[in-house]
Amino acid sequence: MNAAKLLICDDVDDIRMLIRLAFEAEDDFEVVGEATNGEESILAARRLRPDAILLDVNMPVKGGLEALPDLRVAVPDAAIVIFTGFEESSLGDHAKVRGADGYIEKGTEVTEILDLMRCLVQERRTRNGEARRSR
């Protein structure tokens, strides 16, 4: 199976670097780009066509929740996970309504983040493969 292309969207340089290092250490992910705000994330998604997007909520210019509908249109087959420092449980539900596949809090163990992203990418690939076969 091809490595999943990942787009990391967070306005904090250190967080992007840590996430990039964690995913680059894995054979099944390739970090193809980074964005520091919601507008950049939409442009990068259109250009890079990632399989997965890790998306912060609180970013300048346009936040992650605001960018979600545009990201879903730009890359409808991508697994999009909200990645935030907010611990509000209703935020996860709100994110899913807007198009996110998952929600995870910053501070979560890296192995959990990797496992969630793997699971969601696989679900998307399976669903998209089934949709193509049924056409």
Protein backbone atom coordinates (compact mmCIF):
# COMPACT_ATOMS: atom_id res chain seq x y z
CA MET A 1 0.00 0.00 0.00
CA ASN A 2 1.21 3.51 -0.78
CA ALA A 3 2.20 5.80 2.06
CA ALA A 4 -0.61 8.15 3.04
CA LYS A 5 0.14 11.77 2.16
CA LEU A 6 -0.33 14.01 5.23
CA LEU A 7 -0.93 17.75 5.42
CA ILE A 8 -0.23 19.30 8.85
CA CYS A 9 -2.15 22.50 9.65
CA ASP A 10 -1.20 24.34 12.85
CA ASP A 11 -0.03 27.88 13.52
CA VAL A 12 2.55 26.79 16.14
CA ASP A 13 5.92 25.95 14.57
CA ASP A 14 7.02 23.58 17.35
CA ILE A 15 3.81 21.55 17.16
CA ARG A 16 4.10 21.20 13.38
CA MET A 17 7.72 20.10 13.78
CA LEU A 18 6.90 17.47 16.43
CA ILE A 19 4.01 16.07 14.40
CA ARG A 20 6.15 16.03 11.26
CA LEU A 21 8.95 14.15 13.05
CA ALA A 22 6.53 11.58 14.46
CA PHE A 23 4.87 10.89 11.10
CA GLU A 24 8.10 10.94 9.09
CA ALA A 25 9.43 8.16 11.33
CA GLU A 26 6.62 5.91 10.03
CA ASP A 27 6.79 4.04 6.72
CA ASP A 28 3.08 4.40 6.02
CA PHE A 29 2.96 8.23 6.08
CA GLU A 30 4.59 10.93 3.99
CA VAL A 31 4.31 14.55 5.16
CA VAL A 32 3.66 16.44 1.93
CA GLY A 33 3.00 19.89 3.34
CA GLU A 34 2.31 22.24 6.20
CA ALA A 35 0.02 25.21 6.65
CA THR A 36 -0.16 27.87 9.36
CA ASN A 37 -3.77 29.01 8.89
CA GLY A 38 -7.04 27.84 7.41
CA GLU A 39 -6.65 29.68 4.11
CA GLU A 40 -3.20 28.15 3.58
CA SER A 41 -4.61 24.73 4.44
CA ILE A 42 -7.26 24.99 1.71
CA LEU A 43 -4.74 26.13 -0.91
CA ALA A 44 -2.26 23.42 0.12
CA ALA A 45 -4.97 20.73 0.06
CA ARG A 46 -6.01 21.71 -3.47
CA ARG A 47 -2.40 21.63 -4.65
CA LEU A 48 -1.09 18.58 -2.75
CA ARG A 49 -4.19 16.32 -2.70
CA PRO A 50 -3.36 14.74 0.70
CA ASP A 51 -4.87 11.50 1.95
CA ALA A 52 -5.04 12.91 5.48
CA ILE A 53 -5.15 16.32 7.13
CA LEU A 54 -4.37 17.08 10.77
CA LEU A 55 -6.15 20.40 11.38
CA ASP A 56 -5.85 22.77 14.34
CA VAL A 57 -9.00 24.66 15.34
CA ASN A 58 -7.54 27.94 16.56
CA MET A 59 -5.47 29.47 13.74
CA PRO A 60 -5.21 33.00 12.35
CA VAL A 61 -6.95 34.22 9.18
CA LYS A 62 -9.37 31.27 9.13
CA GLY A 63 -9.73 28.65 11.85
CA GLY A 64 -9.91 24.93 11.30
CA LEU A 65 -13.67 24.68 11.78
CA GLU A 66 -14.20 27.49 9.27
CA ALA A 67 -11.87 25.81 6.78
CA LEU A 68 -13.45 22.36 7.13
CA PRO A 69 -16.25 22.71 4.54
CA ASP A 70 -13.81 24.10 1.95
CA LEU A 71 -11.31 21.33 2.72
CA ARG A 72 -14.00 18.69 2.33
CA VAL A 73 -14.84 20.11 -1.12
CA ALA A 74 -11.15 20.40 -2.09
CA VAL A 75 -10.24 16.85 -1.03
CA PRO A 76 -13.45 14.86 -0.50
CA ASP A 77 -11.56 11.57 -0.14
CA ALA A 78 -9.14 12.80 2.56
CA ALA A 79 -9.38 11.82 6.22
CA ILE A 80 -9.60 15.08 8.18
CA VAL A 81 -8.87 15.10 11.91
CA ILE A 82 -9.35 18.10 14.15
CA PHE A 83 -6.32 18.49 16.42
CA THR A 84 -6.85 20.98 19.21
CA GLY A 85 -5.87 22.11 22.68
CA PHE A 86 -9.52 22.66 23.60
CA GLU A 87 -11.01 19.96 25.83
CA GLU A 88 -14.63 20.69 24.95
CA SER A 89 -16.38 17.43 24.06
CA SER A 90 -19.06 19.17 21.98
CA LEU A 91 -16.32 20.51 19.72
CA GLY A 92 -15.71 17.00 18.36
CA ASP A 93 -19.39 16.61 17.48
CA HIS A 94 -19.47 20.06 15.89
CA ALA A 95 -16.35 19.25 13.86
CA LYS A 96 -17.88 16.02 12.57
CA VAL A 97 -21.03 17.86 11.48
CA ARG A 98 -18.82 20.26 9.51
CA GLY A 99 -16.97 17.42 7.77
CA ALA A 100 -14.23 16.10 10.07
CA ASP A 101 -13.66 12.36 10.33
CA GLY A 102 -12.20 12.55 13.81
CA TYR A 103 -11.16 14.73 16.71
CA ILE A 104 -8.13 14.43 18.97
CA GLU A 105 -6.75 16.65 21.70
CA LYS A 106 -3.23 18.01 21.75
CA GLY A 107 -1.27 16.23 24.45
CA THR A 108 -2.57 12.85 23.29
CA GLU A 109 0.15 10.19 23.02
CA VAL A 110 1.76 10.15 19.57
CA THR A 111 0.95 6.46 19.17
CA GLU A 112 -2.76 7.24 19.61
CA ILE A 113 -2.58 10.00 17.00
CA LEU A 114 -0.82 7.67 14.56
CA ASP A 115 -3.32 4.88 15.22
CA LEU A 116 -6.30 7.18 14.69
CA MET A 117 -4.88 8.56 11.45
CA ARG A 118 -4.09 5.05 10.17
CA CYS A 119 -7.59 3.86 10.99
CA LEU A 120 -9.31 6.82 9.33
CA VAL A 121 -7.11 6.71 6.22
CA GLN A 122 -7.84 3.00 5.85
CA GLU A 123 -11.59 3.59 6.31
CA ARG A 124 -11.53 6.33 3.66
CA ARG A 125 -9.53 4.19 1.23
CA THR A 126 -11.89 1.26 1.73
CA ARG A 127 -15.00 3.42 1.34
CA ASN A 128 -13.61 5.19 -1.72
CA GLY A 129 -12.57 1.90 -3.32
CA GLU A 130 -16.04 0.47 -2.77
CA ALA A 131 -17.64 3.60 -4.24
CA ARG A 132 -15.46 3.35 -7.35
CA ARG A 133 -16.31 -0.33 -7.83
CA SER A 134 -20.05 0.34 -7.58
CA ARG A 135 -20.03 2.91 -10.41
